C-alpha atoms as a PDB file:
ATOM      1  CA  UNK A   1       0.019   0.001   0.019  1.00  0.00           C
ATOM      2  CA  UNK A   2       1.381   3.387  -0.866  1.00  0.00           C
ATOM      3  CA  UNK A   3       1.747   6.229   1.532  1.00  0.00           C
ATOM      4  CA  UNK A   4      -0.599   9.156   0.807  1.00  0.00           C
ATOM      5  CA  UNK A   5       2.176  11.601   1.702  1.00  0.00           C
ATOM      6  CA  UNK A   6       4.442  10.073  -0.924  1.00  0.00           C
ATOM      7  CA  UNK A   7       1.613  10.026  -3.454  1.00  0.00           C
ATOM      8  CA  UNK A   8       1.019  13.740  -2.977  1.00  0.00           C
ATOM      9  CA  UNK A   9       4.713  14.556  -3.115  1.00  0.00           C
ATOM     10  CA  UNK A  10       4.903  12.751  -6.485  1.00  0.00           C
ATOM     11  CA  UNK A  11       1.774  14.376  -7.818  1.00  0.00           C
ATOM     12  CA  UNK A  12       2.045  15.639 -11.359  1.00  0.00           C
ATOM     13  CA  UNK A  13       1.848  19.399 -11.968  1.00  0.00           C
ATOM     14  CA  UNK A  14      -1.635  20.808 -12.411  1.00  0.00           C
ATOM     15  CA  UNK A  15      -2.865  21.027 -15.949  1.00  0.00           C
ATOM     16  CA  UNK A  16      -2.809  24.268 -17.839  1.00  0.00           C
ATOM     17  CA  UNK A  17      -5.588  25.705 -19.997  1.00  0.00           C
ATOM     18  CA  UNK A  18      -5.114  27.537 -23.236  1.00  0.00           C
ATOM     19  CA  UNK A  19      -7.496  30.231 -24.311  1.00  0.00           C
ATOM     20  CA  UNK A  20      -7.144  31.625 -27.839  1.00  0.00           C
ATOM     21  CA  UNK A  21      -8.405  35.151 -28.486  1.00  0.00           C
ATOM     22  CA  UNK A  22      -8.744  35.983 -32.147  1.00  0.00           C
ATOM     23  CA  UNK A  23      -6.981  39.093 -33.305  1.00  0.00           C
ATOM     24  CA  UNK A  24      -9.816  39.795 -35.784  1.00  0.00           C
ATOM     25  CA  UNK A  25     -13.022  38.731 -34.023  1.00  0.00           C
ATOM     26  CA  UNK A  26     -15.178  39.528 -37.105  1.00  0.00           C
ATOM     27  CA  UNK A  27     -13.091  37.297 -39.408  1.00  0.00           C
ATOM     28  CA  UNK A  28     -12.963  34.601 -36.759  1.00  0.00           C
ATOM     29  CA  UNK A  29     -16.756  34.684 -36.383  1.00  0.00           C
ATOM     30  CA  UNK A  30     -17.127  34.444 -40.142  1.00  0.00           C
ATOM     31  CA  UNK A  31     -14.836  31.450 -40.174  1.00  0.00           C
ATOM     32  CA  UNK A  32     -16.830  29.797 -37.343  1.00  0.00           C
ATOM     33  CA  UNK A  33     -20.103  30.463 -39.199  1.00  0.00           C
ATOM     34  CA  UNK A  34     -18.675  28.966 -42.366  1.00  0.00           C
ATOM     35  CA  UNK A  35     -17.621  25.824 -40.470  1.00  0.00           C
ATOM     36  CA  UNK A  36     -21.045  25.493 -38.920  1.00  0.00           C
ATOM     37  CA  UNK A  37     -22.731  25.897 -42.296  1.00  0.00           C
ATOM     38  CA  UNK A  38     -20.430  23.396 -43.875  1.00  0.00           C
ATOM     39  CA  UNK A  39     -21.094  20.794 -41.152  1.00  0.00           C
ATOM     40  CA  UNK A  40     -24.833  21.400 -41.441  1.00  0.00           C
ATOM     41  CA  UNK A  41     -24.649  20.894 -45.239  1.00  0.00           C
ATOM     42  CA  UNK A  42     -22.694  17.629 -44.740  1.00  0.00           C
ATOM     43  CA  UNK A  43     -25.339  16.346 -42.305  1.00  0.00           C
ATOM     44  CA  UNK A  44     -28.091  17.250 -44.762  1.00  0.00           C
ATOM     45  CA  UNK A  45     -26.194  15.485 -47.574  1.00  0.00           C
ATOM     46  CA  UNK A  46     -25.815  12.387 -45.361  1.00  0.00           C
ATOM     47  CA  UNK A  47     -29.577  12.358 -44.716  1.00  0.00           C
ATOM     48  CA  UNK A  48     -30.340  12.684 -48.411  1.00  0.00           C
ATOM     49  CA  UNK A  49     -27.817   9.983 -49.355  1.00  0.00           C
ATOM     50  CA  UNK A  50     -25.768  12.353 -51.590  1.00  0.00           C
ATOM     51  CA  UNK A  51     -22.193  11.824 -52.514  1.00  0.00           C
ATOM     52  CA  UNK A  52     -20.351  13.190 -49.473  1.00  0.00           C
ATOM     53  CA  UNK A  53     -16.892  14.041 -50.789  1.00  0.00           C
ATOM     54  CA  UNK A  54     -17.644  17.651 -51.865  1.00  0.00           C
ATOM     55  CA  UNK A  55     -19.332  18.364 -48.489  1.00  0.00           C
ATOM     56  CA  UNK A  56     -16.494  16.740 -46.550  1.00  0.00           C
ATOM     57  CA  UNK A  57     -13.978  18.821 -48.521  1.00  0.00           C
ATOM     58  CA  UNK A  58     -15.897  21.982 -47.654  1.00  0.00           C
ATOM     59  CA  UNK A  59     -15.822  21.010 -43.913  1.00  0.00           C
ATOM     60  CA  UNK A  60     -12.068  20.361 -44.099  1.00  0.00           C
ATOM     61  CA  UNK A  61     -11.464  23.681 -45.852  1.00  0.00           C
ATOM     62  CA  UNK A  62     -13.599  25.549 -43.242  1.00  0.00           C
ATOM     63  CA  UNK A  63     -11.697  23.796 -40.404  1.00  0.00           C
ATOM     64  CA  UNK A  64      -8.407  24.842 -41.983  1.00  0.00           C
ATOM     65  CA  UNK A  65      -9.548  28.430 -42.434  1.00  0.00           C
ATOM     66  CA  UNK A  66     -10.627  28.623 -38.767  1.00  0.00           C
ATOM     67  CA  UNK A  67      -7.329  27.097 -37.595  1.00  0.00           C
ATOM     68  CA  UNK A  68      -5.426  29.701 -39.590  1.00  0.00           C
ATOM     69  CA  UNK A  69      -7.131  32.662 -37.971  1.00  0.00           C
ATOM     70  CA  UNK A  70      -4.458  34.590 -36.013  1.00  0.00           C
ATOM     71  CA  UNK A  71      -4.978  34.511 -32.275  1.00  0.00           C
ATOM     72  CA  UNK A  72      -3.208  35.525 -29.118  1.00  0.00           C
ATOM     73  CA  UNK A  73      -3.108  32.369 -27.033  1.00  0.00           C
ATOM     74  CA  UNK A  74      -3.203  32.715 -23.277  1.00  0.00           C
ATOM     75  CA  UNK A  75      -1.943  29.904 -21.102  1.00  0.00           C
ATOM     76  CA  UNK A  76      -3.618  29.723 -17.666  1.00  0.00           C
ATOM     77  CA  UNK A  77      -1.765  28.101 -14.818  1.00  0.00           C
ATOM     78  CA  UNK A  78      -2.811  27.471 -11.189  1.00  0.00           C
ATOM     79  CA  UNK A  79      -1.333  29.883  -8.674  1.00  0.00           C
ATOM     80  CA  UNK A  80      -0.012  28.493  -5.384  1.00  0.00           C
ATOM     81  CA  UNK A  81      -2.594  27.973  -2.622  1.00  0.00           C
ATOM     82  CA  UNK A  82      -0.957  30.523  -0.353  1.00  0.00           C
ATOM     83  CA  UNK A  83      -1.077  33.178  -3.084  1.00  0.00           C
ATOM     84  CA  UNK A  84      -4.719  32.224  -3.836  1.00  0.00           C
ATOM     85  CA  UNK A  85      -5.583  32.814  -0.164  1.00  0.00           C
ATOM     86  CA  UNK A  86      -3.777  36.155  -0.180  1.00  0.00           C
ATOM     87  CA  UNK A  87      -5.560  37.378  -3.306  1.00  0.00           C
ATOM     88  CA  UNK A  88      -8.907  36.172  -2.047  1.00  0.00           C
ATOM     89  CA  UNK A  89      -8.366  38.037   1.207  1.00  0.00           C
ATOM     90  CA  UNK A  90      -7.238  41.236  -0.605  1.00  0.00           C
ATOM     91  CA  UNK A  91     -10.331  41.249  -2.839  1.00  0.00           C
ATOM     92  CA  UNK A  92     -13.260  40.593  -0.528  1.00  0.00           C
ATOM     93  CA  UNK A  93     -16.675  41.454  -1.877  1.00  0.00           C
ATOM     94  CA  UNK A  94     -18.367  44.669  -0.824  1.00  0.00           C
ATOM     95  CA  UNK A  95     -21.419  44.299   1.472  1.00  0.00           C
ATOM     96  CA  UNK A  96     -23.708  44.666  -1.513  1.00  0.00           C
ATOM     97  CA  UNK A  97     -21.749  42.104  -3.525  1.00  0.00           C
ATOM     98  CA  UNK A  98     -21.777  39.682  -0.589  1.00  0.00           C
ATOM     99  CA  UNK A  99     -25.582  40.000  -0.388  1.00  0.00           C
ATOM    100  CA  UNK A 100     -25.688  39.052  -4.038  1.00  0.00           C
ATOM    101  CA  UNK A 101     -23.616  35.951  -3.304  1.00  0.00           C
ATOM    102  CA  UNK A 102     -20.286  37.103  -4.699  1.00  0.00           C
ATOM    103  CA  UNK A 103     -17.162  35.388  -3.330  1.00  0.00           C
ATOM    104  CA  UNK A 104     -14.830  38.168  -4.371  1.00  0.00           C
ATOM    105  CA  UNK A 105     -14.883  41.763  -5.560  1.00  0.00           C
ATOM    106  CA  UNK A 106     -14.718  40.688  -9.180  1.00  0.00           C
ATOM    107  CA  UNK A 107     -13.727  44.112 -10.636  1.00  0.00           C
ATOM    108  CA  UNK A 108     -10.553  43.995  -8.558  1.00  0.00           C
ATOM    109  CA  UNK A 109     -10.010  40.266  -8.081  1.00  0.00           C
ATOM    110  CA  UNK A 110     -10.295  39.329 -11.790  1.00  0.00           C
ATOM    111  CA  UNK A 111      -7.419  41.512 -12.990  1.00  0.00           C
ATOM    112  CA  UNK A 112      -5.287  40.575 -10.033  1.00  0.00           C
ATOM    113  CA  UNK A 113      -5.855  36.833 -10.570  1.00  0.00           C
ATOM    114  CA  UNK A 114      -5.254  37.096 -14.324  1.00  0.00           C
ATOM    115  CA  UNK A 115      -2.036  39.019 -13.667  1.00  0.00           C
ATOM    116  CA  UNK A 116      -0.872  36.025 -11.655  1.00  0.00           C
ATOM    117  CA  UNK A 117      -2.284  33.102 -13.615  1.00  0.00           C
ATOM    118  CA  UNK A 118      -2.216  34.139 -17.287  1.00  0.00           C
ATOM    119  CA  UNK A 119       0.654  34.117 -19.779  1.00  0.00           C
ATOM    120  CA  UNK A 120       1.527  36.341 -21.532  1.00  0.00           C
ATOM    121  CA  UNK A 121       1.832  38.385 -18.390  1.00  0.00           C
ATOM    122  CA  UNK A 122       0.011  41.670 -17.981  1.00  0.00           C
ATOM    123  CA  UNK A 123      -0.237  43.902 -14.971  1.00  0.00           C
ATOM    124  CA  UNK A 124      -3.688  44.120 -13.257  1.00  0.00           C
ATOM    125  CA  UNK A 125      -4.039  47.689 -14.624  1.00  0.00           C
ATOM    126  CA  UNK A 126      -3.514  46.384 -18.184  1.00  0.00           C
ATOM    127  CA  UNK A 127      -6.348  43.898 -17.705  1.00  0.00           C
ATOM    128  CA  UNK A 128      -8.540  46.744 -16.530  1.00  0.00           C
ATOM    129  CA  UNK A 129      -7.649  48.815 -19.612  1.00  0.00           C
ATOM    130  CA  UNK A 130      -8.289  45.885 -22.003  1.00  0.00           C
ATOM    131  CA  UNK A 131     -11.729  45.437 -20.498  1.00  0.00           C
ATOM    132  CA  UNK A 132     -12.572  49.178 -20.311  1.00  0.00           C
ATOM    133  CA  UNK A 133     -11.573  49.832 -23.930  1.00  0.00           C
ATOM    134  CA  UNK A 134     -13.443  46.807 -25.257  1.00  0.00           C
ATOM    135  CA  UNK A 135     -10.244  45.324 -26.674  1.00  0.00           C
ATOM    136  CA  UNK A 136     -11.259  42.158 -24.866  1.00  0.00           C
ATOM    137  CA  UNK A 137     -14.922  41.166 -24.857  1.00  0.00           C
ATOM    138  CA  UNK A 138     -16.761  40.422 -21.629  1.00  0.00           C
ATOM    139  CA  UNK A 139     -17.160  36.775 -22.642  1.00  0.00           C
ATOM    140  CA  UNK A 140     -13.481  36.462 -23.374  1.00  0.00           C
ATOM    141  CA  UNK A 141     -12.574  38.029 -20.030  1.00  0.00           C
ATOM    142  CA  UNK A 142     -15.049  35.770 -18.239  1.00  0.00           C
ATOM    143  CA  UNK A 143     -13.569  32.709 -19.956  1.00  0.00           C
ATOM    144  CA  UNK A 144     -10.015  33.661 -18.956  1.00  0.00           C
ATOM    145  CA  UNK A 145     -11.158  34.338 -15.383  1.00  0.00           C
ATOM    146  CA  UNK A 146     -13.158  31.131 -15.151  1.00  0.00           C
ATOM    147  CA  UNK A 147     -10.124  29.057 -16.290  1.00  0.00           C
ATOM    148  CA  UNK A 148      -7.908  30.842 -13.732  1.00  0.00           C
ATOM    149  CA  UNK A 149     -10.381  30.138 -10.913  1.00  0.00           C
ATOM    150  CA  UNK A 150     -10.827  26.570 -12.067  1.00  0.00           C
ATOM    151  CA  UNK A 151      -7.085  25.904 -12.265  1.00  0.00           C
ATOM    152  CA  UNK A 152      -6.261  27.561  -8.951  1.00  0.00           C
ATOM    153  CA  UNK A 153      -9.274  26.662  -6.806  1.00  0.00           C
ATOM    154  CA  UNK A 154      -9.585  23.074  -7.900  1.00  0.00           C
ATOM    155  CA  UNK A 155     -12.331  21.134  -6.181  1.00  0.00           C
ATOM    156  CA  UNK A 156     -12.124  17.361  -6.303  1.00  0.00           C
ATOM    157  CA  UNK A 157     -15.148  15.291  -7.111  1.00  0.00           C
ATOM    158  CA  UNK A 158     -16.533  13.636  -4.074  1.00  0.00           C
ATOM    159  CA  UNK A 159     -18.380  10.302  -4.333  1.00  0.00           C
ATOM    160  CA  UNK A 160     -21.027   9.852  -1.672  1.00  0.00           C
ATOM    161  CA  UNK A 161     -22.313   6.328  -1.218  1.00  0.00           C
ATOM    162  CA  UNK A 162     -25.929   5.437  -0.682  1.00  0.00           C
ATOM    163  CA  UNK A 163     -25.983   5.129   3.064  1.00  0.00           C
END
């Protein structure tokens, strides 16, 4: 039987997440739309019993076009537990936010966490500017933040037996 201490000492590093942000969101959306249309056309062709090769070629071309869209790729890594605790303590929710069920003061915690967890590295103020100027969309910012929270504040699955 292995020793839990030894198991934890030999634990593999936490996984990272990658989040691509397209440099031209309009072109990226057009490429995503084309891929969706191509896949739908392929499914329709399958239902009709048509020759599939031209439809499959269209899907492959659309996938290639989407893959070729230039993106800035962010890598999200877990921050150490002690640093997580420090950041959480520094960015407590306001009384109003707490009443709404917030765990943190998101407008201050999100840029601080992303400054720690995301690569390429930006200062918290830079994250604020990106959000304020619309250079990063709310959904993109939320995705980056969610990945940083997920990586750093990992919660194991607990199996509860029928007792």
